[in-house]
Amino acid sequence: MRPDRPLIGALVCLATGVALIVGYCHGTSGISLAYPFTGSNLHIDLTTSGPGVPGGLLLVAIGLLFLAWSLLAAIVSQISLLFQREDRMESIIDRYRAPSFESDNYPDPMTEHKREV
């Protein structure tokens, strides 16, 4: 189980969902900076209406599910690396490579071979 595809799907769904929510929003924002930083504040008022509400929330929920799935896949992948056996398919394929062309079976007559005397 590889975590790369669910992670890509999670990022796409999360980005699209947040873009829908922010794209259909209308509101105000304000920032106040003061010298003692404890007096600084940031106020953001977002109100989303229309198709951005159900579509954005649905895509964010699907993105969070994909993110949880990719996290689980990454944990399972790391655990399986701890208990890696030698007869796994990847190690069998790496040990044997079939010739891809007929010329791989025979030496090239155009190459120069040096003989030791």
N, C-alpha and C. Protein backbone atom coordinates (compact mmCIF):
# COMPACT_ATOMS: atom_id res chain seq x y z
N MET A 1 0.85 -1.16 0.00
CA MET A 1 0.00 0.00 0.00
C MET A 1 0.90 1.23 0.00
N ARG A 2 0.77 2.05 -1.03
CA ARG A 2 1.61 3.24 -1.15
C ARG A 2 0.81 4.49 -0.81
N PRO A 3 1.40 5.40 -0.04
CA PRO A 3 0.64 6.56 0.40
C PRO A 3 0.64 7.75 -0.56
N ASP A 4 1.29 7.64 -1.71
CA ASP A 4 1.44 8.82 -2.55
C ASP A 4 0.14 9.22 -3.26
N ARG A 5 -0.61 8.28 -3.81
CA ARG A 5 -1.83 8.65 -4.52
C ARG A 5 -2.93 9.17 -3.60
N PRO A 6 -3.18 8.55 -2.43
CA PRO A 6 -4.18 9.16 -1.54
C PRO A 6 -3.77 10.54 -1.05
N LEU A 7 -2.46 10.78 -0.88
CA LEU A 7 -2.00 12.09 -0.44
C LEU A 7 -2.23 13.14 -1.52
N ILE A 8 -1.98 12.79 -2.76
CA ILE A 8 -2.25 13.72 -3.86
C ILE A 8 -3.74 14.01 -3.95
N GLY A 9 -4.57 12.97 -3.83
CA GLY A 9 -6.02 13.17 -3.84
C GLY A 9 -6.49 14.03 -2.68
N ALA A 10 -5.88 13.85 -1.51
CA ALA A 10 -6.24 14.66 -0.34
C ALA A 10 -5.90 16.12 -0.57
N LEU A 11 -4.72 16.38 -1.11
CA LEU A 11 -4.34 17.78 -1.35
C LEU A 11 -5.23 18.44 -2.40
N VAL A 12 -5.59 17.70 -3.44
CA VAL A 12 -6.46 18.25 -4.48
C VAL A 12 -7.85 18.55 -3.91
N CYS A 13 -8.41 17.60 -3.16
CA CYS A 13 -9.75 17.81 -2.58
C CYS A 13 -9.74 18.94 -1.55
N LEU A 14 -8.75 18.97 -0.69
CA LEU A 14 -8.68 20.04 0.31
C LEU A 14 -8.51 21.42 -0.34
N ALA A 15 -7.64 21.51 -1.32
CA ALA A 15 -7.43 22.80 -1.99
C ALA A 15 -8.68 23.24 -2.74
N THR A 16 -9.35 22.32 -3.41
CA THR A 16 -10.57 22.68 -4.14
C THR A 16 -11.69 23.06 -3.18
N GLY A 17 -11.82 22.34 -2.07
CA GLY A 17 -12.85 22.66 -1.09
C GLY A 17 -12.63 24.02 -0.45
N VAL A 18 -11.41 24.31 -0.07
CA VAL A 18 -11.11 25.62 0.53
C VAL A 18 -11.29 26.72 -0.50
N ALA A 19 -10.92 26.47 -1.76
CA ALA A 19 -11.11 27.47 -2.81
C ALA A 19 -12.59 27.74 -3.04
N LEU A 20 -13.43 26.72 -3.00
CA LEU A 20 -14.87 26.93 -3.13
C LEU A 20 -15.42 27.73 -1.96
N ILE A 21 -15.00 27.40 -0.76
CA ILE A 21 -15.49 28.13 0.41
C ILE A 21 -15.05 29.59 0.36
N VAL A 22 -13.80 29.84 0.03
CA VAL A 22 -13.29 31.21 -0.02
C VAL A 22 -13.81 31.95 -1.26
N GLY A 23 -14.00 31.24 -2.36
CA GLY A 23 -14.47 31.87 -3.59
C GLY A 23 -15.88 32.40 -3.49
N TYR A 24 -16.74 31.73 -2.75
CA TYR A 24 -18.12 32.16 -2.60
C TYR A 24 -18.34 32.98 -1.32
N CYS A 25 -17.30 33.36 -0.64
CA CYS A 25 -17.48 34.07 0.62
C CYS A 25 -17.52 35.57 0.40
N HIS A 26 -18.14 36.23 1.33
CA HIS A 26 -18.13 37.69 1.37
C HIS A 26 -18.08 38.06 2.85
N GLY A 27 -17.27 39.00 3.15
CA GLY A 27 -17.11 39.35 4.55
C GLY A 27 -16.11 40.46 4.70
N THR A 28 -15.69 40.66 5.92
CA THR A 28 -14.74 41.73 6.21
C THR A 28 -13.55 41.16 6.97
N SER A 29 -12.49 41.90 6.92
CA SER A 29 -11.32 41.52 7.71
C SER A 29 -10.64 42.79 8.20
N GLY A 30 -9.97 42.65 9.29
CA GLY A 30 -9.27 43.80 9.85
C GLY A 30 -8.09 43.35 10.67
N ILE A 31 -7.05 44.18 10.68
CA ILE A 31 -5.87 43.86 11.45
C ILE A 31 -5.43 45.13 12.18
N SER A 32 -5.00 44.94 13.38
CA SER A 32 -4.53 46.06 14.19
C SER A 32 -3.21 45.64 14.83
N LEU A 33 -2.16 46.37 14.50
CA LEU A 33 -0.84 46.09 15.06
C LEU A 33 -0.51 47.17 16.09
N ALA A 34 0.01 46.73 17.21
CA ALA A 34 0.39 47.66 18.27
C ALA A 34 1.79 47.32 18.74
N TYR A 35 2.44 48.30 19.40
CA TYR A 35 3.80 48.04 19.85
C TYR A 35 3.88 46.93 20.89
N PRO A 36 3.18 46.96 21.97
CA PRO A 36 3.20 45.72 22.76
C PRO A 36 2.35 44.71 21.99
N PHE A 37 3.01 43.67 21.54
CA PHE A 37 2.34 42.72 20.66
C PHE A 37 1.12 42.07 21.28
N THR A 38 0.95 42.16 22.58
CA THR A 38 -0.25 41.63 23.21
C THR A 38 -1.47 42.45 22.85
N GLY A 39 -1.29 43.68 22.38
CA GLY A 39 -2.41 44.52 21.97
C GLY A 39 -2.80 44.35 20.51
N SER A 40 -2.05 43.55 19.74
CA SER A 40 -2.35 43.32 18.33
C SER A 40 -3.50 42.33 18.19
N ASN A 41 -4.31 42.52 17.15
CA ASN A 41 -5.39 41.56 16.90
C ASN A 41 -5.66 41.46 15.41
N LEU A 42 -6.26 40.35 15.04
CA LEU A 42 -6.65 40.06 13.66
C LEU A 42 -8.09 39.59 13.70
N HIS A 43 -8.92 40.22 12.89
CA HIS A 43 -10.34 39.86 12.85
C HIS A 43 -10.71 39.51 11.42
N ILE A 44 -11.20 38.28 11.20
CA ILE A 44 -11.65 37.84 9.89
C ILE A 44 -13.09 37.36 10.02
N ASP A 45 -13.97 37.92 9.22
CA ASP A 45 -15.38 37.54 9.23
C ASP A 45 -15.72 37.00 7.85
N LEU A 46 -15.87 35.68 7.72
CA LEU A 46 -16.18 35.05 6.45
C LEU A 46 -17.61 34.53 6.49
N THR A 47 -18.37 34.84 5.48
CA THR A 47 -19.71 34.31 5.32
C THR A 47 -19.80 33.72 3.92
N THR A 48 -20.04 32.44 3.83
CA THR A 48 -20.12 31.77 2.54
C THR A 48 -21.57 31.41 2.28
N SER A 49 -22.01 31.66 1.06
CA SER A 49 -23.37 31.31 0.68
C SER A 49 -23.36 30.70 -0.72
N GLY A 50 -24.39 29.98 -1.04
CA GLY A 50 -24.52 29.39 -2.37
C GLY A 50 -23.93 28.00 -2.43
N PRO A 51 -23.52 27.59 -3.63
CA PRO A 51 -23.02 26.22 -3.81
C PRO A 51 -21.67 25.96 -3.16
N GLY A 52 -21.01 27.00 -2.71
CA GLY A 52 -19.71 26.82 -2.05
C GLY A 52 -19.83 26.14 -0.70
N VAL A 53 -21.00 26.27 -0.07
CA VAL A 53 -21.17 25.69 1.26
C VAL A 53 -21.21 24.16 1.19
N PRO A 54 -22.19 23.54 0.50
CA PRO A 54 -22.20 22.06 0.50
C PRO A 54 -21.04 21.47 -0.29
N GLY A 55 -20.69 22.11 -1.43
CA GLY A 55 -19.59 21.58 -2.25
C GLY A 55 -18.26 21.68 -1.55
N GLY A 56 -18.00 22.83 -0.94
CA GLY A 56 -16.73 23.03 -0.24
C GLY A 56 -16.60 22.13 0.97
N LEU A 57 -17.68 22.02 1.75
CA LEU A 57 -17.62 21.15 2.93
C LEU A 57 -17.48 19.68 2.54
N LEU A 58 -18.15 19.27 1.47
CA LEU A 58 -18.04 17.88 1.01
C LEU A 58 -16.61 17.57 0.55
N LEU A 59 -16.03 18.49 -0.23
CA LEU A 59 -14.66 18.26 -0.71
C LEU A 59 -13.65 18.29 0.43
N VAL A 60 -13.85 19.15 1.42
CA VAL A 60 -12.95 19.17 2.57
C VAL A 60 -13.07 17.87 3.35
N ALA A 61 -14.29 17.35 3.50
CA ALA A 61 -14.48 16.08 4.23
C ALA A 61 -13.84 14.93 3.47
N ILE A 62 -14.00 14.89 2.16
CA ILE A 62 -13.36 13.83 1.36
C ILE A 62 -11.84 13.96 1.44
N GLY A 63 -11.33 15.18 1.39
CA GLY A 63 -9.88 15.41 1.52
C GLY A 63 -9.34 14.94 2.85
N LEU A 64 -10.10 15.16 3.93
CA LEU A 64 -9.66 14.68 5.24
C LEU A 64 -9.67 13.16 5.32
N LEU A 65 -10.66 12.52 4.68
CA LEU A 65 -10.67 11.05 4.63
C LEU A 65 -9.47 10.52 3.85
N PHE A 66 -9.17 11.14 2.70
CA PHE A 66 -7.99 10.73 1.93
C PHE A 66 -6.71 10.94 2.73
N LEU A 67 -6.66 12.03 3.49
CA LEU A 67 -5.47 12.30 4.30
C LEU A 67 -5.29 11.25 5.39
N ALA A 68 -6.39 10.85 6.02
CA ALA A 68 -6.31 9.78 7.03
C ALA A 68 -5.91 8.46 6.38
N TRP A 69 -6.41 8.20 5.17
CA TRP A 69 -6.07 6.97 4.45
C TRP A 69 -4.59 6.96 4.09
N SER A 70 -4.06 8.09 3.62
CA SER A 70 -2.64 8.12 3.27
C SER A 70 -1.76 8.01 4.50
N LEU A 71 -2.20 8.55 5.63
CA LEU A 71 -1.44 8.39 6.88
C LEU A 71 -1.40 6.93 7.29
N LEU A 72 -2.54 6.25 7.20
CA LEU A 72 -2.58 4.83 7.53
C LEU A 72 -1.72 4.01 6.57
N ALA A 73 -1.76 4.37 5.28
CA ALA A 73 -0.93 3.66 4.29
C ALA A 73 0.55 3.88 4.55
N ALA A 74 0.93 5.08 4.97
CA ALA A 74 2.34 5.35 5.27
C ALA A 74 2.79 4.57 6.49
N ILE A 75 1.93 4.46 7.52
CA ILE A 75 2.29 3.69 8.71
C ILE A 75 2.44 2.22 8.37
N VAL A 76 1.50 1.68 7.59
CA VAL A 76 1.57 0.27 7.20
C VAL A 76 2.80 0.01 6.33
N SER A 77 3.12 0.95 5.44
CA SER A 77 4.30 0.79 4.59
C SER A 77 5.58 0.77 5.42
N GLN A 78 5.68 1.63 6.42
CA GLN A 78 6.88 1.65 7.26
C GLN A 78 6.99 0.41 8.12
N ILE A 79 5.86 -0.09 8.61
CA ILE A 79 5.89 -1.32 9.41
C ILE A 79 6.28 -2.50 8.54
N SER A 80 5.78 -2.54 7.30
CA SER A 80 6.13 -3.66 6.42
C SER A 80 7.61 -3.64 6.06
N LEU A 81 8.25 -2.45 6.05
CA LEU A 81 9.69 -2.39 5.80
C LEU A 81 10.49 -3.00 6.95
N LEU A 82 9.94 -2.94 8.16
CA LEU A 82 10.63 -3.54 9.30
C LEU A 82 10.68 -5.06 9.19
N PHE A 83 9.62 -5.64 8.66
CA PHE A 83 9.51 -7.09 8.57
C PHE A 83 9.64 -7.56 7.13
N GLN A 84 10.54 -6.94 6.38
CA GLN A 84 10.71 -7.28 4.97
C GLN A 84 11.33 -8.66 4.83
N ARG A 85 10.70 -9.47 3.99
CA ARG A 85 11.21 -10.83 3.74
C ARG A 85 11.97 -10.84 2.43
N GLU A 86 12.84 -11.81 2.26
CA GLU A 86 13.66 -11.89 1.06
C GLU A 86 12.90 -12.43 -0.14
N ASP A 87 11.80 -13.13 0.05
CA ASP A 87 11.09 -13.70 -1.09
C ASP A 87 9.96 -12.80 -1.57
N ARG A 88 10.07 -11.51 -1.30
CA ARG A 88 9.08 -10.57 -1.82
C ARG A 88 9.26 -10.44 -3.32
N MET A 89 8.21 -10.04 -4.01
CA MET A 89 8.23 -9.96 -5.46
C MET A 89 9.27 -8.96 -5.97
N GLU A 90 9.46 -7.83 -5.29
CA GLU A 90 10.42 -6.84 -5.76
C GLU A 90 11.84 -7.40 -5.74
N SER A 91 12.18 -8.17 -4.71
CA SER A 91 13.54 -8.70 -4.65
C SER A 91 13.74 -9.82 -5.65
N ILE A 92 12.68 -10.55 -5.98
CA ILE A 92 12.80 -11.61 -7.00
C ILE A 92 12.99 -10.98 -8.36
N ILE A 93 12.26 -9.93 -8.66
CA ILE A 93 12.37 -9.28 -9.97
C ILE A 93 13.72 -8.63 -10.11
N ASP A 94 14.25 -8.03 -9.05
CA ASP A 94 15.55 -7.36 -9.13
C ASP A 94 16.69 -8.35 -9.38
N ARG A 95 16.54 -9.59 -8.94
CA ARG A 95 17.62 -10.57 -9.11
C ARG A 95 17.72 -11.09 -10.53
N TYR A 96 16.62 -11.15 -11.27
CA TYR A 96 16.63 -11.74 -12.60
C TYR A 96 16.14 -10.72 -13.60
N ARG A 97 16.93 -10.51 -14.64
CA ARG A 97 16.51 -9.63 -15.73
C ARG A 97 16.61 -10.39 -17.02
N ALA A 98 15.48 -10.58 -17.66
CA ALA A 98 15.47 -11.28 -18.94
C ALA A 98 16.02 -10.34 -20.01
N PRO A 99 16.72 -10.89 -21.02
CA PRO A 99 17.23 -10.02 -22.09
C PRO A 99 16.07 -9.42 -22.87
N SER A 100 16.16 -8.14 -23.15
CA SER A 100 15.07 -7.46 -23.85
C SER A 100 15.22 -7.54 -25.36
N PHE A 101 16.44 -7.72 -25.84
CA PHE A 101 16.67 -7.84 -27.27
C PHE A 101 17.48 -9.10 -27.53
N GLU A 102 17.42 -9.56 -28.75
CA GLU A 102 18.17 -10.75 -29.14
C GLU A 102 19.68 -10.50 -29.04
N SER A 103 20.09 -9.25 -29.28
CA SER A 103 21.52 -8.94 -29.25
C SER A 103 22.08 -8.99 -27.83
N ASP A 104 21.22 -8.98 -26.81
CA ASP A 104 21.72 -9.07 -25.44
C ASP A 104 22.30 -10.45 -25.14
N ASN A 105 21.92 -11.45 -25.92
CA ASN A 105 22.42 -12.81 -25.70
C ASN A 105 23.81 -13.03 -26.29
N TYR A 106 24.18 -12.22 -27.27
CA TYR A 106 25.44 -12.43 -27.97
C TYR A 106 26.31 -11.20 -27.83
N PRO A 107 27.64 -11.38 -27.83
CA PRO A 107 28.52 -10.22 -27.75
C PRO A 107 28.47 -9.40 -29.03
N ASP A 108 28.77 -8.14 -28.92
CA ASP A 108 28.75 -7.24 -30.07
C ASP A 108 30.03 -7.46 -30.87
N PRO A 109 29.92 -7.79 -32.16
CA PRO A 109 31.14 -8.05 -32.95
C PRO A 109 31.92 -6.77 -33.26
N MET A 110 31.32 -5.61 -33.10
CA MET A 110 32.01 -4.37 -33.43
C MET A 110 32.87 -3.85 -32.29
N THR A 111 32.73 -4.39 -31.12
CA THR A 111 33.54 -3.90 -30.01
C THR A 111 34.91 -4.57 -30.04
N GLU A 112 35.88 -3.85 -29.58
CA GLU A 112 37.25 -4.35 -29.59
C GLU A 112 37.52 -5.04 -28.26
N HIS A 113 37.97 -6.28 -28.32
CA HIS A 113 38.27 -7.04 -27.12
C HIS A 113 39.79 -7.16 -27.00
N LYS A 114 40.32 -6.80 -25.87
CA LYS A 114 41.76 -6.90 -25.64
C LYS A 114 42.06 -8.26 -25.01
N ARG A 115 43.07 -8.90 -25.54
CA ARG A 115 43.50 -10.19 -24.99
C ARG A 115 44.78 -10.01 -24.25
N GLU A 116 44.86 -10.62 -23.13
CA GLU A 116 46.10 -10.56 -22.35
C GLU A 116 47.01 -11.70 -22.80
N VAL A 117 48.29 -11.40 -22.92
CA VAL A 117 49.25 -12.41 -23.36
C VAL A 117 50.00 -12.95 -22.19
